[in-house]
Amino acid sequence: MSYEVKINNRTANVELIQWEGSYVSIKVDGKTYNLDFEKVNQGIFSILHNHKSYNIELIPGENVKKYTVNTYKETYEAEIIDAESKYRASRMAGSKEEGENTIVAPIPGKVVKIPVSVGDAVEAGQTLVIFSAMKMESEFKSKKDGVVKEIRVKEGDIVEAKKVMVVVE
């Protein structure tokens, strides 16, 4: 299982290699760490690495994937960025292509329905594509009034992440 973990302003790729009891093996940006990881109390953990002990406190943040991490001397803000987080962030941010209203697949998925055609006039908020990913269907809506310039996919297509699906001028 692989995640991106953002700690303050640094983002690291973290891969869980093995977890058996208190033994945890992880890879952080390609470097492997073998840890003895014990929960001491609610939100408090003891980590042994290379015969050194580290105590950390995890305080849940505004959502389930954000934490304040306290160590003996430091405090960090941490966020776990998994596939669902990336998907939601891309849905919120949208995508612009040279001033156009471009609908882009945020993650791999399937085009379920395209309720518009090239040349159709559309209004802001009108559904352009219904997309299925991670067992969820999402409606991608126009961000502005315009005319459908291109439809680069068809219903039933399986698309990769970042694939441009519909362009509105």
N, C-alpha and C. Protein backbone atom coordinates (compact mmCIF):
# COMPACT_ATOMS: atom_id res chain seq x y z
N MET A 1 0.85 -1.17 0.00
CA MET A 1 0.00 0.00 0.00
C MET A 1 0.90 1.24 0.00
N SER A 2 0.62 2.18 -0.88
CA SER A 2 1.47 3.35 -1.03
C SER A 2 0.66 4.63 -0.85
N TYR A 3 1.26 5.60 -0.18
CA TYR A 3 0.62 6.89 0.08
C TYR A 3 1.65 7.99 -0.12
N GLU A 4 1.16 9.20 -0.28
CA GLU A 4 1.99 10.38 -0.13
C GLU A 4 1.66 10.94 1.23
N VAL A 5 2.69 11.34 1.96
CA VAL A 5 2.48 11.96 3.27
C VAL A 5 3.14 13.33 3.22
N LYS A 6 2.34 14.34 3.48
CA LYS A 6 2.84 15.72 3.49
C LYS A 6 3.10 16.10 4.94
N ILE A 7 4.35 16.44 5.24
CA ILE A 7 4.73 16.86 6.59
C ILE A 7 5.28 18.27 6.45
N ASN A 8 4.58 19.21 7.05
CA ASN A 8 4.84 20.64 6.85
C ASN A 8 4.85 20.90 5.35
N ASN A 9 5.97 21.32 4.76
CA ASN A 9 5.99 21.63 3.33
C ASN A 9 6.66 20.55 2.48
N ARG A 10 6.98 19.40 3.07
CA ARG A 10 7.64 18.31 2.35
C ARG A 10 6.65 17.18 2.11
N THR A 11 6.67 16.63 0.91
CA THR A 11 5.82 15.48 0.60
C THR A 11 6.71 14.28 0.34
N ALA A 12 6.41 13.17 1.01
CA ALA A 12 7.19 11.94 0.86
C ALA A 12 6.28 10.82 0.37
N ASN A 13 6.85 9.93 -0.44
CA ASN A 13 6.13 8.74 -0.88
C ASN A 13 6.40 7.65 0.15
N VAL A 14 5.36 7.15 0.80
CA VAL A 14 5.50 6.15 1.86
C VAL A 14 4.78 4.88 1.43
N GLU A 15 5.52 3.77 1.47
CA GLU A 15 4.95 2.47 1.10
C GLU A 15 5.03 1.53 2.29
N LEU A 16 3.91 0.95 2.65
CA LEU A 16 3.87 -0.05 3.72
C LEU A 16 4.27 -1.38 3.10
N ILE A 17 5.41 -1.92 3.55
CA ILE A 17 5.92 -3.17 3.00
C ILE A 17 5.40 -4.36 3.80
N GLN A 18 5.47 -4.25 5.13
CA GLN A 18 5.06 -5.37 5.99
C GLN A 18 4.60 -4.83 7.34
N TRP A 19 3.58 -5.48 7.90
CA TRP A 19 3.11 -5.13 9.24
C TRP A 19 2.66 -6.41 9.92
N GLU A 20 3.47 -6.87 10.86
CA GLU A 20 3.17 -8.08 11.62
C GLU A 20 3.30 -7.76 13.09
N GLY A 21 2.19 -7.75 13.80
CA GLY A 21 2.22 -7.40 15.22
C GLY A 21 2.74 -5.99 15.39
N SER A 22 3.84 -5.84 16.14
CA SER A 22 4.41 -4.51 16.35
C SER A 22 5.52 -4.19 15.34
N TYR A 23 5.90 -5.18 14.52
CA TYR A 23 6.95 -4.97 13.52
C TYR A 23 6.35 -4.33 12.27
N VAL A 24 6.94 -3.21 11.86
CA VAL A 24 6.49 -2.50 10.67
C VAL A 24 7.70 -2.22 9.79
N SER A 25 7.57 -2.53 8.51
CA SER A 25 8.61 -2.20 7.54
C SER A 25 7.98 -1.25 6.53
N ILE A 26 8.59 -0.06 6.38
CA ILE A 26 8.08 0.93 5.43
C ILE A 26 9.22 1.41 4.55
N LYS A 27 8.84 1.94 3.40
CA LYS A 27 9.81 2.54 2.49
C LYS A 27 9.39 3.99 2.33
N VAL A 28 10.31 4.92 2.63
CA VAL A 28 10.05 6.35 2.51
C VAL A 28 10.98 6.90 1.43
N ASP A 29 10.39 7.38 0.35
CA ASP A 29 11.16 7.88 -0.80
C ASP A 29 12.26 6.91 -1.21
N GLY A 30 11.93 5.61 -1.21
CA GLY A 30 12.86 4.59 -1.67
C GLY A 30 13.77 4.01 -0.61
N LYS A 31 13.81 4.59 0.59
CA LYS A 31 14.67 4.08 1.66
C LYS A 31 13.82 3.27 2.65
N THR A 32 14.28 2.05 2.97
CA THR A 32 13.53 1.15 3.84
C THR A 32 13.85 1.40 5.31
N TYR A 33 12.80 1.40 6.12
CA TYR A 33 12.92 1.54 7.58
C TYR A 33 12.20 0.37 8.23
N ASN A 34 12.91 -0.33 9.13
CA ASN A 34 12.33 -1.42 9.91
C ASN A 34 12.10 -0.89 11.31
N LEU A 35 10.85 -0.91 11.75
CA LEU A 35 10.47 -0.26 13.00
C LEU A 35 9.74 -1.23 13.92
N ASP A 36 9.89 -0.98 15.22
CA ASP A 36 9.05 -1.63 16.22
C ASP A 36 8.09 -0.54 16.67
N PHE A 37 6.82 -0.73 16.42
CA PHE A 37 5.81 0.32 16.57
C PHE A 37 4.78 -0.13 17.58
N GLU A 38 4.68 0.56 18.71
CA GLU A 38 3.74 0.18 19.77
C GLU A 38 2.84 1.36 20.14
N LYS A 39 1.56 1.07 20.32
CA LYS A 39 0.63 2.08 20.82
C LYS A 39 0.74 2.06 22.34
N VAL A 40 1.10 3.21 22.94
CA VAL A 40 1.27 3.31 24.38
C VAL A 40 -0.04 3.71 25.05
N ASN A 41 -0.73 4.64 24.44
CA ASN A 41 -1.98 5.17 24.96
C ASN A 41 -2.76 5.74 23.78
N GLN A 42 -3.95 6.24 24.02
CA GLN A 42 -4.74 6.84 22.95
C GLN A 42 -3.95 7.97 22.29
N GLY A 43 -3.57 7.80 21.01
CA GLY A 43 -2.86 8.83 20.26
C GLY A 43 -1.38 8.93 20.57
N ILE A 44 -0.84 8.07 21.43
CA ILE A 44 0.59 8.12 21.80
C ILE A 44 1.25 6.81 21.38
N PHE A 45 2.38 6.93 20.67
CA PHE A 45 3.06 5.76 20.13
C PHE A 45 4.54 5.80 20.47
N SER A 46 5.12 4.61 20.62
CA SER A 46 6.56 4.44 20.82
C SER A 46 7.11 3.74 19.59
N ILE A 47 8.16 4.31 19.01
CA ILE A 47 8.77 3.73 17.81
C ILE A 47 10.23 3.45 18.11
N LEU A 48 10.66 2.22 17.86
CA LEU A 48 12.07 1.85 17.99
C LEU A 48 12.65 1.70 16.59
N HIS A 49 13.77 2.40 16.35
CA HIS A 49 14.46 2.32 15.06
C HIS A 49 15.95 2.37 15.32
N ASN A 50 16.68 1.35 14.86
CA ASN A 50 18.13 1.28 15.07
C ASN A 50 18.51 1.48 16.53
N HIS A 51 17.81 0.80 17.42
CA HIS A 51 18.06 0.81 18.86
C HIS A 51 17.83 2.18 19.51
N LYS A 52 17.11 3.06 18.84
CA LYS A 52 16.75 4.36 19.41
C LYS A 52 15.24 4.41 19.56
N SER A 53 14.79 5.02 20.65
CA SER A 53 13.36 5.11 20.94
C SER A 53 12.85 6.52 20.64
N TYR A 54 11.70 6.57 19.98
CA TYR A 54 11.05 7.84 19.67
C TYR A 54 9.60 7.75 20.14
N ASN A 55 9.16 8.76 20.85
CA ASN A 55 7.76 8.82 21.27
C ASN A 55 7.07 9.92 20.47
N ILE A 56 5.89 9.60 19.95
CA ILE A 56 5.14 10.60 19.20
C ILE A 56 3.70 10.63 19.68
N GLU A 57 3.11 11.79 19.53
CA GLU A 57 1.70 11.96 19.84
C GLU A 57 1.01 12.41 18.55
N LEU A 58 -0.05 11.71 18.17
CA LEU A 58 -0.84 12.06 17.00
C LEU A 58 -2.15 12.68 17.45
N ILE A 59 -2.38 13.91 17.06
CA ILE A 59 -3.62 14.61 17.40
C ILE A 59 -4.42 14.78 16.11
N PRO A 60 -5.61 14.17 16.03
CA PRO A 60 -6.41 14.28 14.81
C PRO A 60 -6.70 15.74 14.47
N GLY A 61 -6.67 16.03 13.16
CA GLY A 61 -6.93 17.38 12.68
C GLY A 61 -8.36 17.55 12.22
N GLU A 62 -8.54 18.47 11.27
CA GLU A 62 -9.88 18.82 10.80
C GLU A 62 -10.56 17.70 10.01
N ASN A 63 -9.78 16.75 9.49
CA ASN A 63 -10.39 15.57 8.87
C ASN A 63 -9.55 14.35 9.23
N VAL A 64 -10.03 13.17 8.86
CA VAL A 64 -9.40 11.93 9.32
C VAL A 64 -8.02 11.69 8.74
N LYS A 65 -7.60 12.48 7.79
CA LYS A 65 -6.29 12.27 7.17
C LYS A 65 -5.29 13.37 7.51
N LYS A 66 -5.64 14.23 8.45
CA LYS A 66 -4.74 15.30 8.88
C LYS A 66 -4.47 15.14 10.37
N TYR A 67 -3.19 15.35 10.74
CA TYR A 67 -2.78 15.19 12.13
C TYR A 67 -1.77 16.26 12.51
N THR A 68 -1.75 16.59 13.79
CA THR A 68 -0.64 17.32 14.38
C THR A 68 0.21 16.26 15.06
N VAL A 69 1.50 16.24 14.75
CA VAL A 69 2.41 15.23 15.29
C VAL A 69 3.37 15.92 16.24
N ASN A 70 3.34 15.51 17.50
CA ASN A 70 4.26 16.06 18.50
C ASN A 70 5.32 15.04 18.83
N THR A 71 6.59 15.47 18.81
CA THR A 71 7.70 14.64 19.29
C THR A 71 8.25 15.34 20.52
N TYR A 72 9.35 14.83 21.02
CA TYR A 72 9.95 15.42 22.22
C TYR A 72 10.31 16.89 22.02
N LYS A 73 10.81 17.24 20.83
CA LYS A 73 11.29 18.60 20.59
C LYS A 73 10.56 19.35 19.49
N GLU A 74 9.79 18.67 18.67
CA GLU A 74 9.21 19.29 17.48
C GLU A 74 7.71 19.04 17.37
N THR A 75 7.05 19.90 16.59
CA THR A 75 5.65 19.71 16.23
C THR A 75 5.54 19.84 14.72
N TYR A 76 4.81 18.91 14.11
CA TYR A 76 4.65 18.88 12.66
C TYR A 76 3.17 18.79 12.31
N GLU A 77 2.83 19.31 11.15
CA GLU A 77 1.50 19.10 10.59
C GLU A 77 1.66 18.03 9.52
N ALA A 78 0.85 16.97 9.59
CA ALA A 78 0.96 15.86 8.64
C ALA A 78 -0.39 15.61 7.98
N GLU A 79 -0.32 15.23 6.71
CA GLU A 79 -1.54 14.89 5.97
C GLU A 79 -1.26 13.67 5.11
N ILE A 80 -2.13 12.69 5.18
CA ILE A 80 -2.02 11.49 4.36
C ILE A 80 -2.78 11.75 3.07
N ILE A 81 -2.07 11.62 1.95
CA ILE A 81 -2.68 11.89 0.65
C ILE A 81 -2.78 10.55 -0.09
N ASP A 82 -3.97 9.96 -0.07
CA ASP A 82 -4.20 8.69 -0.75
C ASP A 82 -4.97 8.95 -2.05
N ALA A 83 -5.34 7.89 -2.74
CA ALA A 83 -6.05 8.04 -4.02
C ALA A 83 -7.35 8.83 -3.86
N GLU A 84 -8.07 8.57 -2.78
CA GLU A 84 -9.33 9.29 -2.55
C GLU A 84 -9.07 10.78 -2.35
N SER A 85 -8.04 11.13 -1.58
CA SER A 85 -7.70 12.54 -1.34
C SER A 85 -7.33 13.24 -2.65
N LYS A 86 -6.53 12.56 -3.49
CA LYS A 86 -6.15 13.15 -4.78
C LYS A 86 -7.39 13.37 -5.65
N TYR A 87 -8.28 12.38 -5.64
CA TYR A 87 -9.50 12.48 -6.43
C TYR A 87 -10.34 13.67 -5.99
N ARG A 88 -10.56 13.79 -4.68
CA ARG A 88 -11.37 14.90 -4.17
C ARG A 88 -10.71 16.25 -4.45
N ALA A 89 -9.40 16.34 -4.29
CA ALA A 89 -8.69 17.60 -4.54
C ALA A 89 -8.82 18.01 -6.00
N SER A 90 -8.69 17.04 -6.90
CA SER A 90 -8.78 17.38 -8.31
C SER A 90 -10.21 17.78 -8.68
N ARG A 91 -11.19 17.20 -8.03
CA ARG A 91 -12.59 17.58 -8.28
C ARG A 91 -12.84 19.01 -7.82
N MET A 92 -12.22 19.39 -6.71
CA MET A 92 -12.41 20.74 -6.19
C MET A 92 -11.65 21.76 -7.04
N ALA A 93 -10.46 21.40 -7.51
CA ALA A 93 -9.62 22.34 -8.23
C ALA A 93 -10.06 22.51 -9.68
N GLY A 94 -10.56 21.44 -10.29
CA GLY A 94 -10.90 21.50 -11.71
C GLY A 94 -9.63 21.60 -12.54
N SER A 95 -9.79 21.91 -13.80
CA SER A 95 -8.64 22.03 -14.68
C SER A 95 -8.94 23.07 -15.75
N LYS A 96 -7.98 23.91 -16.04
CA LYS A 96 -8.15 24.92 -17.07
C LYS A 96 -7.12 24.67 -18.16
N GLU A 97 -7.52 24.84 -19.41
CA GLU A 97 -6.62 24.65 -20.54
C GLU A 97 -6.77 25.87 -21.43
N GLU A 98 -5.84 26.83 -21.33
CA GLU A 98 -5.84 28.04 -22.14
C GLU A 98 -7.17 28.77 -22.10
N GLY A 99 -7.70 29.01 -20.90
CA GLY A 99 -8.93 29.76 -20.75
C GLY A 99 -10.18 28.96 -21.05
N GLU A 100 -10.03 27.71 -21.43
CA GLU A 100 -11.18 26.87 -21.72
C GLU A 100 -11.64 26.18 -20.45
N ASN A 101 -12.83 25.66 -20.50
CA ASN A 101 -13.40 24.87 -19.42
C ASN A 101 -13.14 23.42 -19.81
N THR A 102 -12.15 22.79 -19.19
CA THR A 102 -11.72 21.45 -19.56
C THR A 102 -12.06 20.47 -18.46
N ILE A 103 -12.71 19.38 -18.80
CA ILE A 103 -13.04 18.33 -17.84
C ILE A 103 -12.01 17.23 -18.01
N VAL A 104 -11.27 16.94 -16.93
CA VAL A 104 -10.17 15.98 -16.95
C VAL A 104 -10.45 14.88 -15.94
N ALA A 105 -10.15 13.64 -16.32
CA ALA A 105 -10.30 12.51 -15.39
C ALA A 105 -9.27 12.66 -14.28
N PRO A 106 -9.70 12.75 -13.02
CA PRO A 106 -8.75 12.94 -11.92
C PRO A 106 -7.97 11.67 -11.59
N ILE A 107 -8.61 10.52 -11.79
CA ILE A 107 -7.99 9.22 -11.54
C ILE A 107 -8.53 8.26 -12.60
N PRO A 108 -7.94 7.08 -12.75
CA PRO A 108 -8.49 6.13 -13.72
C PRO A 108 -9.94 5.80 -13.40
N GLY A 109 -10.75 5.63 -14.43
CA GLY A 109 -12.15 5.32 -14.21
C GLY A 109 -12.87 5.06 -15.52
N LYS A 110 -14.20 5.04 -15.45
CA LYS A 110 -15.03 4.72 -16.61
C LYS A 110 -15.99 5.87 -16.90
N VAL A 111 -16.12 6.22 -18.17
CA VAL A 111 -17.09 7.22 -18.60
C VAL A 111 -18.45 6.52 -18.66
N VAL A 112 -19.37 6.95 -17.81
CA VAL A 112 -20.68 6.32 -17.73
C VAL A 112 -21.64 6.95 -18.73
N LYS A 113 -21.68 8.28 -18.77
CA LYS A 113 -22.63 8.97 -19.64
C LYS A 113 -22.08 10.33 -20.03
N ILE A 114 -22.38 10.75 -21.26
CA ILE A 114 -22.04 12.09 -21.74
C ILE A 114 -23.34 12.70 -22.24
N PRO A 115 -24.00 13.52 -21.41
CA PRO A 115 -25.32 14.06 -21.78
C PRO A 115 -25.28 15.28 -22.70
N VAL A 116 -24.11 15.57 -23.31
CA VAL A 116 -23.99 16.71 -24.23
C VAL A 116 -23.33 16.23 -25.52
N SER A 117 -23.42 17.07 -26.55
CA SER A 117 -22.78 16.78 -27.85
C SER A 117 -21.94 17.97 -28.26
N VAL A 118 -21.01 17.75 -29.18
CA VAL A 118 -20.20 18.85 -29.71
C VAL A 118 -21.15 19.87 -30.34
N GLY A 119 -20.91 21.15 -30.03
CA GLY A 119 -21.75 22.23 -30.55
C GLY A 119 -22.87 22.65 -29.62
N ASP A 120 -23.16 21.85 -28.59
CA ASP A 120 -24.22 22.21 -27.64
C ASP A 120 -23.82 23.44 -26.83
N ALA A 121 -24.77 24.34 -26.62
CA ALA A 121 -24.57 25.46 -25.70
C ALA A 121 -24.82 24.92 -24.30
N VAL A 122 -23.91 25.23 -23.37
CA VAL A 122 -24.05 24.76 -21.99
C VAL A 122 -23.95 25.93 -21.03
N GLU A 123 -24.55 25.75 -19.86
CA GLU A 123 -24.51 26.77 -18.82
C GLU A 123 -23.61 26.30 -17.69
N ALA A 124 -23.10 27.26 -16.93
CA ALA A 124 -22.30 26.92 -15.75
C ALA A 124 -23.14 26.02 -14.85
N GLY A 125 -22.53 24.93 -14.39
CA GLY A 125 -23.24 24.00 -13.51
C GLY A 125 -23.93 22.86 -14.23
N GLN A 126 -23.96 22.91 -15.55
CA GLN A 126 -24.60 21.83 -16.32
C GLN A 126 -23.67 20.62 -16.39
N THR A 127 -24.23 19.42 -16.23
CA THR A 127 -23.44 18.19 -16.26
C THR A 127 -22.92 17.93 -17.67
N LEU A 128 -21.59 17.67 -17.75
CA LEU A 128 -20.95 17.37 -19.03
C LEU A 128 -20.58 15.89 -19.14
N VAL A 129 -20.17 15.29 -18.02
CA VAL A 129 -19.74 13.89 -18.01
C VAL A 129 -20.15 13.26 -16.68
N ILE A 130 -20.63 12.03 -16.74
CA ILE A 130 -20.83 11.24 -15.52
C ILE A 130 -19.73 10.18 -15.55
N PHE A 131 -18.94 10.16 -14.48
CA PHE A 131 -17.69 9.39 -14.41
C PHE A 131 -17.74 8.47 -13.20
N SER A 132 -17.30 7.24 -13.36
CA SER A 132 -17.30 6.27 -12.26
C SER A 132 -15.86 5.89 -11.92
N ALA A 133 -15.52 6.04 -10.63
CA ALA A 133 -14.19 5.65 -10.14
C ALA A 133 -14.31 5.32 -8.67
N MET A 134 -13.57 4.33 -8.24
CA MET A 134 -13.55 3.93 -6.82
C MET A 134 -14.97 3.65 -6.31
N LYS A 135 -15.78 3.01 -7.13
CA LYS A 135 -17.15 2.63 -6.78
C LYS A 135 -18.07 3.82 -6.51
N MET A 136 -17.69 5.00 -7.05
CA MET A 136 -18.51 6.20 -6.89
C MET A 136 -18.75 6.80 -8.27
N GLU A 137 -19.96 7.28 -8.49
CA GLU A 137 -20.24 8.03 -9.71
C GLU A 137 -20.21 9.51 -9.38
N SER A 138 -19.55 10.28 -10.24
CA SER A 138 -19.45 11.72 -10.05
C SER A 138 -19.90 12.43 -11.31
N GLU A 139 -20.57 13.56 -11.12
CA GLU A 139 -20.96 14.39 -12.25
C GLU A 139 -19.95 15.52 -12.38
N PHE A 140 -19.36 15.64 -13.56
CA PHE A 140 -18.45 16.74 -13.84
C PHE A 140 -19.26 17.81 -14.56
N LYS A 141 -19.26 19.00 -14.00
CA LYS A 141 -20.12 20.07 -14.49
C LYS A 141 -19.30 21.18 -15.13
N SER A 142 -19.93 21.91 -16.03
CA SER A 142 -19.28 23.05 -16.67
C SER A 142 -19.03 24.14 -15.64
N LYS A 143 -17.86 24.74 -15.72
CA LYS A 143 -17.52 25.80 -14.77
C LYS A 143 -17.96 27.17 -15.27
N LYS A 144 -18.38 27.21 -16.56
CA LYS A 144 -18.82 28.49 -17.13
C LYS A 144 -19.79 28.22 -18.27
N ASP A 145 -20.48 29.27 -18.69
CA ASP A 145 -21.33 29.17 -19.88
C ASP A 145 -20.42 29.04 -21.10
N GLY A 146 -20.86 28.31 -22.10
CA GLY A 146 -20.06 28.17 -23.32
C GLY A 146 -20.66 27.19 -24.28
N VAL A 147 -19.83 26.75 -25.22
CA VAL A 147 -20.23 25.79 -26.25
C VAL A 147 -19.26 24.61 -26.18
N VAL A 148 -19.80 23.38 -26.26
CA VAL A 148 -18.96 22.19 -26.23
C VAL A 148 -18.12 22.17 -27.51
N LYS A 149 -16.80 22.29 -27.34
CA LYS A 149 -15.87 22.34 -28.47
C LYS A 149 -15.42 20.93 -28.87
N GLU A 150 -15.08 20.10 -27.85
CA GLU A 150 -14.57 18.76 -28.13
C GLU A 150 -15.09 17.77 -27.10
N ILE A 151 -15.34 16.56 -27.54
CA ILE A 151 -15.59 15.43 -26.64
C ILE A 151 -14.57 14.38 -27.05
N ARG A 152 -13.60 14.11 -26.18
CA ARG A 152 -12.48 13.24 -26.52
C ARG A 152 -12.64 11.80 -26.03
N VAL A 153 -13.81 11.49 -25.46
CA VAL A 153 -14.09 10.13 -24.97
C VAL A 153 -15.50 9.76 -25.40
N LYS A 154 -15.85 8.49 -25.23
CA LYS A 154 -17.23 8.08 -25.48
C LYS A 154 -17.72 7.25 -24.31
N GLU A 155 -19.03 7.13 -24.20
CA GLU A 155 -19.62 6.37 -23.10
C GLU A 155 -19.07 4.96 -23.10
N GLY A 156 -18.69 4.48 -21.90
CA GLY A 156 -18.12 3.15 -21.75
C GLY A 156 -16.61 3.11 -21.79
N ASP A 157 -15.96 4.21 -22.22
CA ASP A 157 -14.49 4.24 -22.26
C ASP A 157 -13.90 4.11 -20.86
N ILE A 158 -12.82 3.36 -20.76
CA ILE A 158 -12.01 3.31 -19.54
C ILE A 158 -10.87 4.29 -19.80
N VAL A 159 -10.70 5.27 -18.92
CA VAL A 159 -9.70 6.31 -19.14
C VAL A 159 -8.68 6.34 -18.01
N GLU A 160 -7.50 6.80 -18.35
CA GLU A 160 -6.42 6.98 -17.38
C GLU A 160 -6.56 8.34 -16.70
N ALA A 161 -5.86 8.51 -15.60
CA ALA A 161 -5.84 9.80 -14.90
C ALA A 161 -5.30 10.88 -15.84
N LYS A 162 -5.81 12.08 -15.71
CA LYS A 162 -5.39 13.27 -16.45
C LYS A 162 -5.82 13.26 -17.92
N LYS A 163 -6.68 12.34 -18.30
CA LYS A 163 -7.19 12.31 -19.67
C LYS A 163 -8.24 13.41 -19.83
N VAL A 164 -8.04 14.28 -20.81
CA VAL A 164 -9.03 15.32 -21.11
C VAL A 164 -10.25 14.63 -21.72
N MET A 165 -11.42 14.88 -21.13
CA MET A 165 -12.64 14.23 -21.61
C MET A 165 -13.50 15.18 -22.45
N VAL A 166 -13.73 16.41 -21.95
CA VAL A 166 -14.60 17.37 -22.64
C VAL A 166 -13.97 18.76 -22.54
N VAL A 167 -14.06 19.51 -23.64
CA VAL A 167 -13.57 20.89 -23.67
C VAL A 167 -14.73 21.81 -24.05
N VAL A 168 -14.93 22.88 -23.26
CA VAL A 168 -15.97 23.87 -23.52
C VAL A 168 -15.28 25.21 -23.75
N GLU A 169 -15.69 25.93 -24.82
CA GLU A 169 -15.16 27.28 -25.09
C GLU A 169 -16.11 28.31 -24.55
